[in-house]
Amino acid sequence: MFLRDKSSGDLVEVLETTALMDPNQDSISVSRHAGEEKGDPEETRKSELVFPSGEALPVCWTDAHYRVNF
């Protein structure tokens, strides 16, 4: 799955989609796709990522207490 880094605009490939959907994990392992070669895996905070369209990640992926906060 590909997402976009908010600050740089680069596409990043999510290496573990289960970690992305786990609201208890603040960061995930991604690989940047900003040049001709795939980048090395690196940890990135979920708060720095959006979908390629610019839409934010679902709250249930980022906040373990999302049902309490409503």
PDB file of N, CA and C in Angstrom:
ATOM      1  N   MET A   1       0.847  -1.165   0.000  1.00  0.00           N
ATOM      2  CA  MET A   1       0.000   0.000   0.000  1.00  0.00           C
ATOM      3  C   MET A   1       0.899   1.236   0.000  1.00  0.00           C
ATOM      4  N   PHE A   2       0.525   2.238  -0.776  1.00  0.00           N
ATOM      5  CA  PHE A   2       1.283   3.475  -0.851  1.00  0.00           C
ATOM      6  C   PHE A   2       0.536   4.603  -0.154  1.00  0.00           C
ATOM      7  N   LEU A   3       1.291   5.420   0.574  1.00  0.00           N
ATOM      8  CA  LEU A   3       0.778   6.625   1.209  1.00  0.00           C
ATOM      9  C   LEU A   3       1.713   7.770   0.827  1.00  0.00           C
ATOM     10  N   ARG A   4       1.333   8.990   1.211  1.00  0.00           N
ATOM     11  CA  ARG A   4       2.145  10.159   0.893  1.00  0.00           C
ATOM     12  C   ARG A   4       2.626  10.798   2.194  1.00  0.00           C
ATOM     13  N   ASP A   5       3.896  11.181   2.219  1.00  0.00           N
ATOM     14  CA  ASP A   5       4.482  11.897   3.347  1.00  0.00           C
ATOM     15  C   ASP A   5       4.012  13.351   3.264  1.00  0.00           C
ATOM     16  N   LYS A   6       3.423  13.862   4.331  1.00  0.00           N
ATOM     17  CA  LYS A   6       2.883  15.229   4.325  1.00  0.00           C
ATOM     18  C   LYS A   6       3.950  16.284   4.083  1.00  0.00           C
ATOM     19  N   SER A   7       5.098  16.149   4.733  1.00  0.00           N
ATOM     20  CA  SER A   7       6.111  17.203   4.662  1.00  0.00           C
ATOM     21  C   SER A   7       6.847  17.237   3.324  1.00  0.00           C
ATOM     22  N   SER A   8       7.190  16.086   2.784  1.00  0.00           N
ATOM     23  CA  SER A   8       7.980  16.067   1.546  1.00  0.00           C
ATOM     24  C   SER A   8       7.135  15.836   0.291  1.00  0.00           C
ATOM     25  N   GLY A   9       5.957  15.235   0.455  1.00  0.00           N
ATOM     26  CA  GLY A   9       5.124  14.905  -0.695  1.00  0.00           C
ATOM     27  C   GLY A   9       5.534  13.608  -1.373  1.00  0.00           C
ATOM     28  N   ASP A  10       6.564  12.936  -0.843  1.00  0.00           N
ATOM     29  CA  ASP A  10       7.040  11.680  -1.427  1.00  0.00           C
ATOM     30  C   ASP A  10       6.049  10.542  -1.174  1.00  0.00           C
ATOM     31  N   LEU A  11       5.985   9.621  -2.123  1.00  0.00           N
ATOM     32  CA  LEU A  11       5.229   8.402  -1.902  1.00  0.00           C
ATOM     33  C   LEU A  11       6.066   7.452  -1.065  1.00  0.00           C
ATOM     34  N   VAL A  12       5.400   6.787  -0.122  1.00  0.00           N
ATOM     35  CA  VAL A  12       6.069   5.794   0.706  1.00  0.00           C
ATOM     36  C   VAL A  12       5.265   4.503   0.634  1.00  0.00           C
ATOM     37  N   GLU A  13       5.980   3.395   0.601  1.00  0.00           N
ATOM     38  CA  GLU A  13       5.333   2.089   0.583  1.00  0.00           C
ATOM     39  C   GLU A  13       5.275   1.572   2.017  1.00  0.00           C
ATOM     40  N   VAL A  14       4.076   1.234   2.474  1.00  0.00           N
ATOM     41  CA  VAL A  14       3.904   0.677   3.812  1.00  0.00           C
ATOM     42  C   VAL A  14       4.345  -0.779   3.754  1.00  0.00           C
ATOM     43  N   LEU A  15       5.287  -1.149   4.619  1.00  0.00           N
ATOM     44  CA  LEU A  15       5.838  -2.493   4.580  1.00  0.00           C
ATOM     45  C   LEU A  15       5.019  -3.492   5.384  1.00  0.00           C
ATOM     46  N   GLU A  16       4.257  -3.023   6.374  1.00  0.00           N
ATOM     47  CA  GLU A  16       3.395  -3.895   7.171  1.00  0.00           C
ATOM     48  C   GLU A  16       2.029  -3.235   7.319  1.00  0.00           C
ATOM     49  N   THR A  17       1.061  -3.665   6.533  1.00  0.00           N
ATOM     50  CA  THR A  17      -0.261  -3.044   6.587  1.00  0.00           C
ATOM     51  C   THR A  17      -0.972  -3.307   7.911  1.00  0.00           C
ATOM     52  N   THR A  18      -0.669  -4.430   8.564  1.00  0.00           N
ATOM     53  CA  THR A  18      -1.306  -4.690   9.859  1.00  0.00           C
ATOM     54  C   THR A  18      -0.861  -3.653  10.888  1.00  0.00           C
ATOM     55  N   ALA A  19       0.386  -3.224  10.838  1.00  0.00           N
ATOM     56  CA  ALA A  19       0.881  -2.183  11.746  1.00  0.00           C
ATOM     57  C   ALA A  19       0.204  -0.850  11.433  1.00  0.00           C
ATOM     58  N   LEU A  20      -0.052  -0.576  10.170  1.00  0.00           N
ATOM     59  CA  LEU A  20      -0.728   0.659   9.776  1.00  0.00           C
ATOM     60  C   LEU A  20      -2.124   0.734  10.381  1.00  0.00           C
ATOM     61  N   MET A  21      -2.824  -0.373  10.399  1.00  0.00           N
ATOM     62  CA  MET A  21      -4.202  -0.397  10.889  1.00  0.00           C
ATOM     63  C   MET A  21      -4.315  -0.576  12.397  1.00  0.00           C
ATOM     64  N   ASP A  22      -3.196  -0.797  13.062  1.00  0.00           N
ATOM     65  CA  ASP A  22      -3.189  -0.978  14.517  1.00  0.00           C
ATOM     66  C   ASP A  22      -3.139   0.393  15.199  1.00  0.00           C
ATOM     67  N   PRO A  23      -4.212   0.802  15.873  1.00  0.00           N
ATOM     68  CA  PRO A  23      -4.234   2.136  16.482  1.00  0.00           C
ATOM     69  C   PRO A  23      -3.276   2.283  17.664  1.00  0.00           C
ATOM     70  N   ASN A  24      -2.728   1.191  18.170  1.00  0.00           N
ATOM     71  CA  ASN A  24      -1.796   1.250  19.296  1.00  0.00           C
ATOM     72  C   ASN A  24      -0.357   1.512  18.862  1.00  0.00           C
ATOM     73  N   GLN A  25      -0.105   1.529  17.563  1.00  0.00           N
ATOM     74  CA  GLN A  25       1.240   1.805  17.053  1.00  0.00           C
ATOM     75  C   GLN A  25       1.276   3.211  16.457  1.00  0.00           C
ATOM     76  N   ASP A  26       2.191   4.042  16.975  1.00  0.00           N
ATOM     77  CA  ASP A  26       2.310   5.420  16.500  1.00  0.00           C
ATOM     78  C   ASP A  26       3.157   5.552  15.244  1.00  0.00           C
ATOM     79  N   SER A  27       4.068   4.584  15.026  1.00  0.00           N
ATOM     80  CA  SER A  27       4.928   4.652  13.851  1.00  0.00           C
ATOM     81  C   SER A  27       4.924   3.308  13.125  1.00  0.00           C
ATOM     82  N   ILE A  28       5.273   3.381  11.845  1.00  0.00           N
ATOM     83  CA  ILE A  28       5.285   2.178  11.011  1.00  0.00           C
ATOM     84  C   ILE A  28       6.546   2.177  10.155  1.00  0.00           C
ATOM     85  N   SER A  29       6.854   1.027   9.605  1.00  0.00           N
ATOM     86  CA  SER A  29       8.011   0.880   8.735  1.00  0.00           C
ATOM     87  C   SER A  29       7.578   1.140   7.284  1.00  0.00           C
ATOM     88  N   VAL A  30       8.297   2.047   6.619  1.00  0.00           N
ATOM     89  CA  VAL A  30       7.976   2.407   5.236  1.00  0.00           C
ATOM     90  C   VAL A  30       9.254   2.435   4.403  1.00  0.00           C
ATOM     91  N   SER A  31       9.075   2.452   3.102  1.00  0.00           N
ATOM     92  CA  SER A  31      10.180   2.590   2.162  1.00  0.00           C
ATOM     93  C   SER A  31       9.820   3.729   1.205  1.00  0.00           C
ATOM     94  N   ARG A  32      10.685   4.725   1.095  1.00  0.00           N
ATOM     95  CA  ARG A  32      10.409   5.897   0.242  1.00  0.00           C
ATOM     96  C   ARG A  32      10.591   5.561  -1.240  1.00  0.00           C
ATOM     97  N   HIS A  33       9.766   6.182  -2.058  1.00  0.00           N
ATOM     98  CA  HIS A  33       9.839   6.029  -3.508  1.00  0.00           C
ATOM     99  C   HIS A  33       9.990   7.412  -4.133  1.00  0.00           C
ATOM    100  N   ALA A  34      11.079   8.096  -3.799  1.00  0.00           N
ATOM    101  CA  ALA A  34      11.284   9.458  -4.278  1.00  0.00           C
ATOM    102  C   ALA A  34      12.263   9.535  -5.437  1.00  0.00           C
ATOM    103  N   GLY A  35      12.989   8.482  -5.703  1.00  0.00           N
ATOM    104  CA  GLY A  35      13.968   8.487  -6.787  1.00  0.00           C
ATOM    105  C   GLY A  35      13.761   7.283  -7.674  1.00  0.00           C
ATOM    106  N   GLU A  36      14.809   6.889  -8.345  1.00  0.00           N
ATOM    107  CA  GLU A  36      14.708   5.744  -9.238  1.00  0.00           C
ATOM    108  C   GLU A  36      14.746   4.425  -8.491  1.00  0.00           C
ATOM    109  N   GLU A  37      15.377   4.425  -7.313  1.00  0.00           N
ATOM    110  CA  GLU A  37      15.493   3.185  -6.549  1.00  0.00           C
ATOM    111  C   GLU A  37      14.618   3.242  -5.310  1.00  0.00           C
ATOM    112  N   LYS A  38      14.135   2.082  -4.910  1.00  0.00           N
ATOM    113  CA  LYS A  38      13.355   1.972  -3.693  1.00  0.00           C
ATOM    114  C   LYS A  38      14.267   2.241  -2.503  1.00  0.00           C
ATOM    115  N   GLY A  39      13.799   3.075  -1.561  1.00  0.00           N
ATOM    116  CA  GLY A  39      14.610   3.430  -0.403  1.00  0.00           C
ATOM    117  C   GLY A  39      14.674   2.324   0.633  1.00  0.00           C
ATOM    118  N   ASP A  40      15.615   2.465   1.543  1.00  0.00           N
ATOM    119  CA  ASP A  40      15.752   1.530   2.655  1.00  0.00           C
ATOM    120  C   ASP A  40      14.582   1.706   3.617  1.00  0.00           C
ATOM    121  N   PRO A  41      14.203   0.635   4.317  1.00  0.00           N
ATOM    122  CA  PRO A  41      13.122   0.749   5.310  1.00  0.00           C
ATOM    123  C   PRO A  41      13.481   1.755   6.400  1.00  0.00           C
ATOM    124  N   GLU A  42      12.485   2.524   6.816  1.00  0.00           N
ATOM    125  CA  GLU A  42      12.662   3.496   7.891  1.00  0.00           C
ATOM    126  C   GLU A  42      11.349   3.625   8.662  1.00  0.00           C
ATOM    127  N   GLU A  43      11.464   4.041   9.917  1.00  0.00           N
ATOM    128  CA  GLU A  43      10.291   4.247  10.756  1.00  0.00           C
ATOM    129  C   GLU A  43       9.742   5.646  10.515  1.00  0.00           C
ATOM    130  N   THR A  44       8.421   5.751  10.366  1.00  0.00           N
ATOM    131  CA  THR A  44       7.748   7.027  10.162  1.00  0.00           C
ATOM    132  C   THR A  44       6.508   7.073  11.030  1.00  0.00           C
ATOM    133  N   ARG A  45       6.246   8.223  11.616  1.00  0.00           N
ATOM    134  CA  ARG A  45       5.038   8.390  12.431  1.00  0.00           C
ATOM    135  C   ARG A  45       3.808   8.420  11.524  1.00  0.00           C
ATOM    136  N   LYS A  46       2.754   7.766  11.969  1.00  0.00           N
ATOM    137  CA  LYS A  46       1.516   7.743  11.185  1.00  0.00           C
ATOM    138  C   LYS A  46       0.942   9.138  10.997  1.00  0.00           C
ATOM    139  N   SER A  47       1.168  10.013  11.958  1.00  0.00           N
ATOM    140  CA  SER A  47       0.640  11.377  11.868  1.00  0.00           C
ATOM    141  C   SER A  47       1.249  12.157  10.706  1.00  0.00           C
ATOM    142  N   GLU A  48       2.365  11.680  10.161  1.00  0.00           N
ATOM    143  CA  GLU A  48       3.027  12.337   9.033  1.00  0.00           C
ATOM    144  C   GLU A  48       2.570  11.801   7.681  1.00  0.00           C
ATOM    145  N   LEU A  49       1.610  10.876   7.681  1.00  0.00           N
ATOM    146  CA  LEU A  49       1.183  10.222   6.438  1.00  0.00           C
ATOM    147  C   LEU A  49      -0.266  10.518   6.101  1.00  0.00           C
ATOM    148  N   VAL A  50      -0.553  10.579   4.820  1.00  0.00           N
ATOM    149  CA  VAL A  50      -1.913  10.714   4.292  1.00  0.00           C
ATOM    150  C   VAL A  50      -2.030   9.797   3.080  1.00  0.00           C
ATOM    151  N   PHE A  51      -3.244   9.591   2.617  1.00  0.00           N
ATOM    152  CA  PHE A  51      -3.437   8.843   1.382  1.00  0.00           C
ATOM    153  C   PHE A  51      -2.912   9.677   0.217  1.00  0.00           C
ATOM    154  N   PRO A  52      -2.565   9.057  -0.911  1.00  0.00           N
ATOM    155  CA  PRO A  52      -2.051   9.825  -2.057  1.00  0.00           C
ATOM    156  C   PRO A  52      -2.991  10.946  -2.508  1.00  0.00           C
ATOM    157  N   SER A  53      -4.292  10.799  -2.260  1.00  0.00           N
ATOM    158  CA  SER A  53      -5.261  11.828  -2.630  1.00  0.00           C
ATOM    159  C   SER A  53      -5.220  13.030  -1.697  1.00  0.00           C
ATOM    160  N   GLY A  54      -4.507  12.893  -0.560  1.00  0.00           N
ATOM    161  CA  GLY A  54      -4.449  13.971   0.428  1.00  0.00           C
ATOM    162  C   GLY A  54      -5.391  13.744   1.604  1.00  0.00           C
ATOM    163  N   GLU A  55      -6.213  12.726   1.505  1.00  0.00           N
ATOM    164  CA  GLU A  55      -7.161  12.414   2.581  1.00  0.00           C
ATOM    165  C   GLU A  55      -6.418  11.842   3.784  1.00  0.00           C
ATOM    166  N   ALA A  56      -6.856  12.241   4.973  1.00  0.00           N
ATOM    167  CA  ALA A  56      -6.228  11.770   6.214  1.00  0.00           C
ATOM    168  C   ALA A  56      -6.510  10.288   6.436  1.00  0.00           C
ATOM    169  N   LEU A  57      -5.654   9.658   7.237  1.00  0.00           N
ATOM    170  CA  LEU A  57      -5.875   8.260   7.611  1.00  0.00           C
ATOM    171  C   LEU A  57      -7.103   8.172   8.508  1.00  0.00           C
ATOM    172  N   PRO A  58      -7.822   7.060   8.487  1.00  0.00           N
ATOM    173  CA  PRO A  58      -8.987   6.910   9.362  1.00  0.00           C
ATOM    174  C   PRO A  58      -8.589   7.015  10.835  1.00  0.00           C
ATOM    175  N   VAL A  59      -9.426   7.629  11.616  1.00  0.00           N
ATOM    176  CA  VAL A  59      -9.148   7.817  13.047  1.00  0.00           C
ATOM    177  C   VAL A  59      -8.980   6.478  13.746  1.00  0.00           C
ATOM    178  N   CYS A  60      -9.712   5.455  13.322  1.00  0.00           N
ATOM    179  CA  CYS A  60      -9.605   4.144  13.973  1.00  0.00           C
ATOM    180  C   CYS A  60      -8.237   3.491  13.729  1.00  0.00           C
ATOM    181  N   TRP A  61      -7.423   4.020  12.829  1.00  0.00           N
ATOM    182  CA  TRP A  61      -6.062   3.526  12.594  1.00  0.00           C
ATOM    183  C   TRP A  61      -5.050   4.279  13.446  1.00  0.00           C
ATOM    184  N   THR A  62      -5.408   5.449  13.951  1.00  0.00           N
ATOM    185  CA  THR A  62      -4.442   6.301  14.638  1.00  0.00           C
ATOM    186  C   THR A  62      -4.749   6.558  16.109  1.00  0.00           C
ATOM    187  N   ASP A  63      -5.988   6.314  16.547  1.00  0.00           N
ATOM    188  CA  ASP A  63      -6.383   6.613  17.922  1.00  0.00           C
ATOM    189  C   ASP A  63      -7.087   5.399  18.527  1.00  0.00           C
ATOM    190  N   ALA A  64      -6.436   4.743  19.481  1.00  0.00           N
ATOM    191  CA  ALA A  64      -6.995   3.541  20.102  1.00  0.00           C
ATOM    192  C   ALA A  64      -8.267   3.846  20.885  1.00  0.00           C
ATOM    193  N   HIS A  65      -8.486   5.088  21.248  1.00  0.00           N
ATOM    194  CA  HIS A  65      -9.657   5.471  22.043  1.00  0.00           C
ATOM    195  C   HIS A  65     -10.654   6.287  21.203  1.00  0.00           C
ATOM    196  N   TYR A  66     -10.707   6.042  19.915  1.00  0.00           N
ATOM    197  CA  TYR A  66     -11.536   6.868  19.050  1.00  0.00           C
ATOM    198  C   TYR A  66     -13.017   6.791  19.393  1.00  0.00           C
ATOM    199  N   ARG A  67     -13.490   5.673  19.911  1.00  0.00           N
ATOM    200  CA  ARG A  67     -14.909   5.570  20.266  1.00  0.00           C
ATOM    201  C   ARG A  67     -15.221   6.361  21.535  1.00  0.00           C
ATOM    202  N   VAL A  68     -14.269   6.496  22.421  1.00  0.00           N
ATOM    203  CA  VAL A  68     -14.460   7.239  23.657  1.00  0.00           C
ATOM    204  C   VAL A  68     -14.476   8.729  23.382  1.00  0.00           C
ATOM    205  N   ASN A  69     -13.749   9.174  22.379  1.00  0.00           N
ATOM    206  CA  ASN A  69     -13.593  10.593  22.086  1.00  0.00           C
ATOM    207  C   ASN A  69     -14.789  11.213  21.379  1.00  0.00           C
ATOM    208  N   PHE A  70     -15.768  10.424  21.000  1.00  0.00           N
ATOM    209  CA  PHE A  70     -16.935  10.988  20.308  1.00  0.00           C
ATOM    210  C   PHE A  70     -17.995  11.420  21.265  1.00  0.00           C
TER     211      PHE A  70
END
